[in-house]
Protein backbone atom coordinates (compact mmCIF):
# COMPACT_ATOMS: atom_id res chain seq x y z
CA MET A 1 152.12 191.66 119.97
CA PRO A 2 154.67 188.65 120.65
CA PHE A 3 155.21 186.09 117.92
CA VAL A 4 153.35 182.86 118.57
CA ILE A 5 153.07 179.44 116.73
CA SER A 6 149.61 178.47 115.86
CA PRO A 7 148.24 175.43 117.24
CA ALA A 8 146.53 174.36 114.16
CA PRO A 9 148.93 172.60 112.45
CA ARG A 10 149.70 170.60 115.29
CA ARG A 11 145.91 169.44 115.93
CA ARG A 12 145.93 168.64 112.25
CA ARG A 13 149.14 166.30 112.73
CA LEU A 14 147.48 164.58 115.60
CA VAL A 15 144.22 163.98 114.06
CA ALA A 16 146.09 162.36 111.26
CA LEU A 17 147.77 160.18 113.27
CA ALA A 18 144.69 159.01 115.06
CA VAL A 19 142.97 158.43 111.87
CA CYS A 20 145.86 156.29 110.75
CA ALA A 21 145.74 154.25 113.91
CA VAL A 22 142.04 153.47 113.66
CA VAL A 23 142.53 152.30 109.84
CA GLY A 24 145.84 150.38 110.83
CA THR A 25 143.43 148.56 113.72
CA ALA A 26 140.35 147.67 111.29
CA VAL A 27 142.83 146.31 108.43
CA GLY A 28 144.38 144.10 111.24
CA GLY A 29 141.09 142.89 112.57
CA VAL A 30 139.77 141.79 108.91
CA ALA A 31 143.18 139.96 108.40
CA ALA A 32 142.79 138.00 111.46
CA SER A 33 139.19 137.23 110.54
CA HIS A 34 140.08 136.04 107.30
CA SER A 35 142.88 134.02 109.19
CA VAL A 36 140.56 132.22 111.66
CA GLY A 37 137.83 131.57 108.71
CA ALA A 38 140.56 129.93 106.72
CA ALA A 39 141.36 127.66 109.67
CA HIS A 40 137.59 126.77 110.57
CA GLY A 41 135.73 127.27 107.66
CA PRO A 42 132.49 129.14 107.17
CA ALA A 43 130.63 130.23 110.28
CA THR A 44 127.45 129.21 108.13
CA ALA A 45 128.38 125.84 107.45
CA THR A 46 126.37 123.00 108.72
CA ALA A 47 126.80 119.31 109.57
CA THR A 48 125.18 116.68 107.24
CA PRO A 49 122.73 114.43 108.86
CA VAL A 50 123.93 110.92 108.59
CA ALA A 51 120.97 108.52 107.26
CA HIS A 52 120.50 105.40 108.94
CA LEU A 53 118.68 102.08 108.56
CA ARG A 54 116.52 101.15 110.84
CA HIS A 55 116.08 97.07 111.48
CA VAL A 56 113.14 96.24 109.30
CA GLY A 57 111.90 94.13 111.96
CA GLU A 58 112.62 97.12 113.49
CA GLY A 59 110.12 97.95 115.81
CA GLY A 60 107.64 97.82 113.20
CA GLU A 61 105.77 100.09 111.12
CA GLY A 62 102.97 99.83 112.91
CA GLY A 63 100.24 97.14 112.63
CA GLU A 64 99.99 95.58 116.11
CA GLY A 65 103.46 97.48 116.75
CA GLY A 66 102.02 100.69 116.51
CA GLU A 67 100.65 103.35 114.38
CA GLY A 68 101.76 103.96 110.88
CA GLY A 69 104.44 105.31 108.69
CA GLU A 70 107.74 104.20 108.06
CA GLY A 71 108.61 102.94 111.54
CA GLY A 72 106.93 103.04 115.13
CA GLU A 73 106.98 100.48 117.64
CA GLY A 74 106.95 97.19 116.28
CA GLY A 75 109.01 93.81 116.56
CA GLY A 76 112.32 92.64 116.93
CA GLY A 77 115.85 92.13 116.02
CA GLY A 78 119.16 93.90 115.08
CA GLY A 79 119.98 96.40 112.38
CA GLY A 80 119.51 96.62 108.32
CA VAL A 81 116.89 95.76 106.26
CA VAL A 82 115.04 92.68 106.44
CA GLY A 83 113.70 91.11 103.36
CA VAL A 84 111.33 88.14 102.83
CA PHE A 85 114.06 85.75 101.84
CA SER A 86 116.25 86.82 105.00
CA ASP A 87 117.15 84.20 107.61
CA ASP A 88 116.07 86.58 110.40
CA PRO A 89 113.67 84.85 112.98
CA THR A 90 111.19 87.59 112.38
CA VAL A 91 110.80 85.97 108.88
CA THR A 92 111.72 82.32 109.42
CA HIS A 93 109.24 81.90 112.04
CA LEU A 94 106.22 83.33 110.02
CA ASP A 95 103.71 80.46 108.92
CA PRO A 96 105.22 78.53 106.06
CA ASP A 97 102.16 79.44 103.69
CA LEU A 98 102.34 82.95 104.35
CA LEU A 99 106.11 83.03 103.85
CA ALA A 100 105.86 81.20 100.71
CA ALA A 101 103.24 83.80 99.40
CA LEU A 102 105.31 86.54 100.30
CA ARG A 103 108.16 85.19 98.62
CA ARG A 104 106.24 84.72 95.53
CA ALA A 105 104.92 88.21 95.49
CA ALA A 106 108.20 89.78 96.33
CA THR A 107 109.76 87.95 93.23
CA ASP A 108 107.17 89.33 91.04
CA ALA A 109 107.06 92.79 92.56
CA ALA A 110 110.90 92.84 92.04
CA LYS A 111 110.61 91.65 88.40
CA GLN A 112 107.79 93.74 87.31
CA ARG A 113 108.62 97.00 89.08
CA GLY A 114 111.95 96.67 90.95
CA ILE A 115 110.30 96.98 94.09
CA GLN A 116 111.53 95.20 97.22
CA LEU A 117 109.08 93.88 99.76
CA VAL A 118 110.75 94.75 103.16
CA VAL A 119 109.56 92.90 106.51
CA ASN A 120 109.02 95.79 109.27
CA SER A 121 107.75 93.31 111.63
CA GLY A 122 106.91 89.55 111.17
CA TRP A 123 107.04 87.10 113.88
CA ARG A 124 107.25 88.45 117.42
CA SER A 125 107.81 86.75 120.75
CA ALA A 126 104.90 86.99 123.40
CA LYS A 127 107.50 89.01 125.71
CA ASP A 128 107.99 91.41 122.74
CA GLN A 129 104.22 91.85 122.27
CA ALA A 130 103.80 92.42 125.77
CA GLY A 131 106.54 95.26 125.74
CA LEU A 132 104.73 96.78 122.59
CA LEU A 133 101.29 96.84 124.33
CA ASP A 134 102.86 98.28 127.75
CA ASP A 135 104.58 100.87 125.23
CA ALA A 136 101.18 101.74 123.46
CA ILE A 137 99.30 102.10 126.63
CA ARG A 138 101.63 104.79 127.90
CA LYS A 139 101.61 106.45 124.60
CA TYR A 140 97.71 106.60 124.15
CA GLY A 141 96.93 106.82 127.92
CA SER A 142 94.50 103.92 128.26
CA LYS A 143 94.37 100.04 127.01
CA ALA A 144 91.37 100.68 125.11
CA ALA A 145 92.97 103.21 122.90
CA ALA A 146 96.18 101.18 122.37
CA GLU A 147 94.40 98.34 121.49
CA LYS A 148 93.34 100.07 118.10
CA TRP A 149 96.89 99.52 117.29
CA VAL A 150 98.50 96.81 119.53
CA ALA A 151 97.04 93.40 120.28
CA THR A 152 97.56 91.56 123.59
CA PRO A 153 100.17 88.55 123.44
CA GLU A 154 97.36 86.05 123.63
CA THR A 155 95.77 87.45 120.63
CA SER A 156 98.42 88.94 118.13
CA GLU A 157 98.78 87.11 114.93
CA HIS A 158 102.36 88.24 114.76
CA VAL A 159 103.21 86.16 117.86
CA LYS A 160 101.16 83.12 116.24
CA GLY A 161 103.60 83.90 112.85
CA GLU A 162 100.28 84.61 110.64
CA ALA A 163 100.97 88.35 110.36
CA VAL A 164 103.65 90.64 108.70
CA ASP A 165 103.91 94.39 108.54
CA LEU A 166 105.37 95.43 105.21
CA GLY A 167 107.09 98.46 103.60
CA PRO A 168 108.14 100.67 102.13
CA ALA A 169 105.19 102.73 100.67
CA ALA A 170 105.94 101.54 97.08
CA ALA A 171 105.55 97.91 98.21
CA ARG A 172 102.38 98.58 100.26
CA THR A 173 100.80 100.64 97.13
CA TRP A 174 101.94 97.44 94.97
CA LEU A 175 100.39 94.91 97.14
CA SER A 176 97.09 96.97 97.41
CA GLN A 177 96.71 96.40 93.71
CA HIS A 178 98.08 92.80 93.31
CA GLY A 179 98.32 91.23 96.93
CA ALA A 180 95.02 89.25 96.28
CA ALA A 181 96.46 87.17 93.44
CA TYR A 182 98.89 85.58 96.18
CA GLY A 183 96.45 85.57 98.97
CA LEU A 184 97.86 88.50 100.64
CA CYS A 185 95.31 90.92 102.19
CA GLN A 186 95.55 94.22 104.00
CA ILE A 187 92.93 93.27 107.19
CA TYR A 188 92.58 96.83 109.23
CA ALA A 189 91.93 100.02 107.27
CA ASN A 190 94.00 101.82 109.83
CA GLU A 191 96.84 99.61 109.19
CA SER A 192 98.14 99.55 105.65
CA TRP A 193 101.25 97.88 106.50
CA HIS A 194 99.63 94.91 107.94
CA TYR A 195 99.04 91.82 105.68
CA GLU A 196 97.75 88.39 106.43
CA LEU A 197 97.03 85.28 104.25
CA ARG A 198 93.66 84.68 102.80
CA PRO A 199 93.99 81.91 100.56
CA SER A 200 90.32 82.38 99.08
CA ALA A 201 91.38 85.88 97.92
CA VAL A 202 93.01 84.30 95.05
CA LYS A 203 89.82 83.33 93.44
CA HIS A 204 87.55 85.60 95.37
CA GLY A 205 89.13 89.08 96.25
CA CYS A 206 90.08 90.02 99.69
CA PRO A 207 87.45 90.50 102.39
CA ALA A 208 86.05 93.71 103.72
CA MET A 209 88.69 95.35 105.97
CA TYR A 210 88.09 95.96 109.56
CA ALA A 211 88.34 99.63 110.98
CA ASP A 212 90.89 98.84 113.34
CA PRO A 213 91.85 95.74 115.35
CA THR A 214 89.24 96.39 118.05
CA GLN A 215 86.47 95.41 115.35
CA ASP A 216 88.16 92.11 114.81
CA PRO A 217 86.52 89.38 116.57
CA ARG A 218 89.83 87.28 116.89
CA MET A 219 90.95 90.16 119.03
CA ARG A 220 88.12 89.55 121.61
CA GLN A 221 88.81 85.77 122.42
């Protein structure tokens, strides 16, 4: 029988070389991945939301501007928080007696509890009010449904400067307990933000609330 070199050692060498190549490729891939991660940051990182202040006169927190919460459709102006001492027209065009009562209440709320009264919507132009009503009709599907939240320009107490939508929630809670002492009363049960001046409330307490503006005789004039 002739002498033949066994192929087994050669096969073992080829296998060993193949294994080394695979391992090398894997290590290189991991290194490249780490390099990309270092350049771009972790893949799981998410952007931090940017907080923003909406005009408080901002389209209202509700009232005739729309249903409730910390912002809805309401009334007028640019950006930033509007307090009761602001020179923003949504404040300065309010009835003088209402504004004086608001400022007395705001001063005491700040001193007693560190609470700021914010005007989410005060005076509105008739044009703004008409726009709010149109928006509400689109939102609620009919004028009848919209009128539970938004008055017409002809009947709106905001257009007259005799109503104000207030926030935040802490301020409304404080007013629900102390507002009557300043003649400031919530008028509608479905609008915890909508306040008007009722001078008799100082001695006799606030009158019973209407369920919503459609129950208010003034809205049917």
